[in-house]
Amino acid sequence: MPMNHVYDPACRRCPRLSAFLDEVAHAHPDYHCRPVPAFGDPRARWLIVGLAPGMHGANRTGRPFTGDHAGILLYATLHRFGFASAATSIARDDGLQLRGVRISNAVKCLPPQNKPLPKEIAECNGYLRAELAASPQPRVILALGAIAHAAVLRALGLKAAAHRFAHGACHELGARVLLDSYHCSRYNTQTRRLTPAMFERVIAHAARLAA
């Protein structure tokens, strides 16, 4: 099944998220303000899963981790390891390409205060499940944060209790491997909870496993 079959730009399954997107679209008519599709190589050997679009990042540009602080460390590190054609991701039409990796989110729509409700995470999980089923190539899945970690396990039909989130943790899931990293958010990077060196080690680990 082609990758675009798992993305519904008109999805309004979550009333709270849909209403919030309508409000943001009214205030910012030039913003994407719809579910944000995955981005990257459709034949990727590994998949990066984040939390949800940021207000002035992916929700504005329509591409994951693009146009806000959260994408700075991510794309710079991918570029350093040869997985991205450029070190910055500015807009959907900036020519950036990913090689061998794909980026998605646990929740496709912008949540208020960047905090999706549990029922919204569960409702959106079907899209991540379909994406994984439609693209059996990824050997490695990198979860950015505990919510993404839990969403991946749910999408694969596995129990979170059997695989605890921890930065740098590696979970064997049959034919696949789930790696964990703290999310590359502004808070985590500015407080040094996640440093460039820490993130580089995780990316290097993912690259080795994917190869």
Protein backbone atom coordinates (compact mmCIF):
# COMPACT_ATOMS: atom_id res chain seq x y z
CA MET A 1 0.00 0.00 0.00
CA PRO A 2 1.48 3.40 -0.93
CA MET A 3 2.53 5.60 1.96
CA ASN A 4 0.05 8.35 1.09
CA HIS A 5 -2.84 5.94 1.76
CA VAL A 6 -2.15 6.14 5.50
CA TYR A 7 -2.50 9.92 5.66
CA ASP A 8 -5.88 11.67 5.77
CA PRO A 9 -5.48 15.46 5.46
CA ALA A 10 -9.19 15.90 6.22
CA CYS A 11 -9.24 13.84 9.43
CA ARG A 12 -11.39 15.38 12.18
CA ARG A 13 -11.76 12.40 14.49
CA CYS A 14 -10.72 14.34 17.59
CA PRO A 15 -13.21 17.15 18.31
CA ARG A 16 -10.90 19.10 20.63
CA LEU A 17 -7.99 19.03 18.19
CA SER A 18 -10.21 19.90 15.23
CA ALA A 19 -11.72 22.87 17.06
CA PHE A 20 -8.26 24.07 18.09
CA LEU A 21 -6.96 23.81 14.52
CA ASP A 22 -9.94 25.87 13.35
CA GLU A 23 -9.03 28.58 15.87
CA VAL A 24 -5.38 28.60 14.82
CA ALA A 25 -6.31 28.65 11.14
CA HIS A 26 -8.51 31.69 11.74
CA ALA A 27 -5.63 33.49 13.47
CA HIS A 28 -3.03 32.28 10.96
CA PRO A 29 -4.73 31.68 7.60
CA ASP A 30 -1.39 30.93 5.92
CA TYR A 31 -0.61 28.02 8.29
CA HIS A 32 -1.00 24.35 7.31
CA CYS A 33 -3.44 23.68 10.21
CA ARG A 34 -4.24 20.12 9.17
CA PRO A 35 -2.88 16.68 10.02
CA VAL A 36 0.83 16.63 9.18
CA PRO A 37 2.02 13.72 7.01
CA ALA A 38 5.23 11.78 7.48
CA PHE A 39 8.30 13.01 5.64
CA GLY A 40 11.30 11.25 4.15
CA ASP A 41 12.43 8.20 2.26
CA PRO A 42 9.48 5.80 1.64
CA ARG A 43 11.98 2.91 1.53
CA ALA A 44 13.69 3.96 4.75
CA ARG A 45 15.44 1.42 6.95
CA TRP A 46 14.50 3.39 10.03
CA LEU A 47 11.68 5.60 11.22
CA ILE A 48 11.79 8.48 13.68
CA VAL A 49 8.60 9.08 15.66
CA GLY A 50 8.01 12.36 17.49
CA LEU A 51 5.12 13.57 19.62
CA ALA A 52 2.98 16.00 17.61
CA PRO A 53 3.29 19.08 15.35
CA GLY A 54 4.43 22.31 16.99
CA MET A 55 2.29 25.43 16.72
CA HIS A 56 4.72 27.48 14.63
CA GLY A 57 6.71 24.54 13.28
CA ALA A 58 5.09 21.55 11.59
CA ASN A 59 1.60 23.00 12.07
CA ARG A 60 2.74 26.05 10.11
CA THR A 61 4.88 24.38 7.46
CA GLY A 62 3.15 21.02 7.06
CA ARG A 63 6.36 19.00 7.55
CA PRO A 64 7.50 17.27 10.77
CA PHE A 65 10.05 19.17 12.88
CA THR A 66 10.25 21.97 10.33
CA GLY A 67 10.42 25.66 11.11
CA ASP A 68 10.79 25.60 14.89
CA HIS A 69 13.35 24.87 17.61
CA ALA A 70 12.55 21.17 17.89
CA GLY A 71 13.93 20.48 14.44
CA ILE A 72 17.27 22.25 14.90
CA LEU A 73 19.14 19.43 16.61
CA LEU A 74 17.28 16.70 14.71
CA TYR A 75 18.06 17.84 11.18
CA ALA A 76 21.57 19.05 12.02
CA THR A 77 22.41 15.61 13.41
CA LEU A 78 20.82 13.75 10.51
CA HIS A 79 22.84 15.90 8.13
CA ARG A 80 26.04 15.25 10.06
CA PHE A 81 25.52 11.51 9.62
CA GLY A 82 24.59 11.79 5.95
CA PHE A 83 20.86 11.16 6.28
CA ALA A 84 19.71 14.68 5.32
CA SER A 85 20.76 16.76 2.32
CA ALA A 86 20.89 19.92 4.46
CA ALA A 87 21.42 20.78 8.12
CA THR A 88 18.26 22.88 8.47
CA SER A 89 14.61 22.28 7.63
CA ILE A 90 12.81 25.53 6.91
CA ALA A 91 9.80 24.83 4.69
CA ARG A 92 8.26 22.07 2.58
CA ASP A 93 9.67 23.62 -0.59
CA ASP A 94 13.25 24.15 0.67
CA GLY A 95 14.56 21.18 -1.31
CA LEU A 96 15.60 19.17 1.75
CA GLN A 97 15.68 15.41 1.19
CA LEU A 98 16.13 12.54 3.64
CA ARG A 99 18.09 9.43 2.71
CA GLY A 100 17.25 6.12 4.33
CA VAL A 101 15.15 7.64 7.11
CA ARG A 102 11.57 8.79 7.56
CA ILE A 103 10.02 11.08 10.20
CA SER A 104 6.50 10.85 11.59
CA ASN A 105 4.56 11.76 14.74
CA ALA A 106 2.47 9.87 17.27
CA VAL A 107 -0.25 12.52 16.89
CA LYS A 108 -0.74 14.13 13.48
CA CYS A 109 -2.51 17.31 14.61
CA LEU A 110 -1.39 20.23 16.77
CA PRO A 111 -2.64 19.80 20.37
CA PRO A 112 -3.30 22.73 22.71
CA GLN A 113 -0.19 23.49 24.81
CA ASN A 114 1.59 20.65 22.98
CA LYS A 115 -0.25 18.16 25.20
CA PRO A 116 -2.52 15.65 23.45
CA LEU A 117 -5.02 13.81 25.63
CA PRO A 118 -4.67 10.04 26.07
CA LYS A 119 -7.83 9.44 24.03
CA GLU A 120 -6.43 11.59 21.20
CA ILE A 121 -3.16 9.66 21.20
CA ALA A 122 -5.15 6.43 21.05
CA GLU A 123 -7.43 7.72 18.27
CA CYS A 124 -4.48 8.77 16.14
CA ASN A 125 -2.57 5.55 16.74
CA GLY A 126 -4.33 3.88 13.84
CA TYR A 127 -2.43 6.10 11.42
CA LEU A 128 0.92 5.11 12.90
CA ARG A 129 -0.14 1.45 12.87
CA ALA A 130 -1.12 1.72 9.21
CA GLU A 131 2.13 3.49 8.39
CA LEU A 132 4.18 0.70 9.96
CA ALA A 133 2.09 -1.96 8.25
CA ALA A 134 2.35 -0.21 4.89
CA SER A 135 6.11 0.13 5.14
CA PRO A 136 7.65 -3.10 6.46
CA GLN A 137 11.19 -1.98 5.60
CA PRO A 138 12.08 -0.07 8.80
CA ARG A 139 14.32 -2.25 10.93
CA VAL A 140 14.75 0.49 13.53
CA ILE A 141 12.21 2.84 15.10
CA LEU A 142 13.54 5.80 17.09
CA ALA A 143 11.02 7.19 19.59
CA LEU A 144 11.56 10.78 20.67
CA GLY A 145 10.05 10.87 24.14
CA ALA A 146 7.93 8.59 26.28
CA ILE A 147 4.65 9.32 24.48
CA ALA A 148 6.12 8.41 21.11
CA HIS A 149 7.65 5.30 22.70
CA ALA A 150 4.25 4.18 24.03
CA ALA A 151 2.55 5.00 20.73
CA VAL A 152 4.96 2.79 18.78
CA LEU A 153 4.38 -0.12 21.15
CA ARG A 154 0.60 0.34 20.88
CA ALA A 155 0.83 0.47 17.08
CA LEU A 156 2.75 -2.82 17.11
CA GLY A 157 0.28 -4.44 19.50
CA LEU A 158 2.78 -4.63 22.37
CA LYS A 159 2.40 -3.73 26.05
CA ALA A 160 4.26 -0.69 27.32
CA ALA A 161 4.91 -2.35 30.69
CA ALA A 162 7.24 -4.85 29.03
CA HIS A 163 9.41 -2.11 27.50
CA ARG A 164 10.15 0.85 29.77
CA PHE A 165 11.18 4.15 28.22
CA ALA A 166 14.69 5.36 29.01
CA HIS A 167 17.04 7.57 27.05
CA GLY A 168 19.37 5.39 25.02
CA ALA A 169 17.41 2.22 25.74
CA CYS A 170 17.21 -0.43 23.01
CA HIS A 171 14.21 -2.77 22.88
CA GLU A 172 14.20 -5.90 20.72
CA LEU A 173 10.75 -6.27 19.14
CA GLY A 174 11.12 -9.34 16.99
CA ALA A 175 12.23 -8.24 13.54
CA ARG A 176 12.42 -4.63 14.68
CA VAL A 177 14.28 -2.61 17.26
CA LEU A 178 12.87 0.33 19.22
CA LEU A 179 15.38 2.93 20.37
CA ASP A 180 14.54 5.68 22.87
CA SER A 181 15.73 9.25 23.09
CA TYR A 182 14.63 12.29 24.99
CA HIS A 183 12.67 14.57 22.70
CA CYS A 184 14.76 17.29 21.01
CA SER A 185 12.45 20.02 22.32
CA ARG A 186 13.53 23.52 23.26
CA TYR A 187 13.14 22.69 26.96
CA ASN A 188 15.24 19.52 26.80
CA THR A 189 18.03 21.04 24.74
CA GLN A 190 18.25 24.34 26.61
CA THR A 191 18.24 22.64 30.03
CA ARG A 192 20.89 20.22 28.72
CA ARG A 193 18.73 17.24 29.53
CA LEU A 194 19.50 16.31 25.94
CA THR A 195 22.88 17.46 24.61
CA PRO A 196 24.11 17.23 21.01
CA ALA A 197 26.58 14.55 22.06
CA MET A 198 23.84 12.46 23.70
CA PHE A 199 21.66 12.74 20.61
CA GLU A 200 24.53 11.94 18.26
CA ARG A 201 25.16 8.69 20.13
CA VAL A 202 21.54 7.65 19.69
CA ILE A 203 21.52 8.53 15.99
CA ALA A 204 24.79 6.66 15.47
CA HIS A 205 23.31 3.62 17.22
CA ALA A 206 20.19 3.75 15.02
CA ALA A 207 22.32 4.05 11.90
CA ARG A 208 24.39 1.00 12.85
CA LEU A 209 21.32 -1.10 13.55
CA ALA A 210 19.55 0.02 10.37
CA ALA A 211 22.61 -0.89 8.29
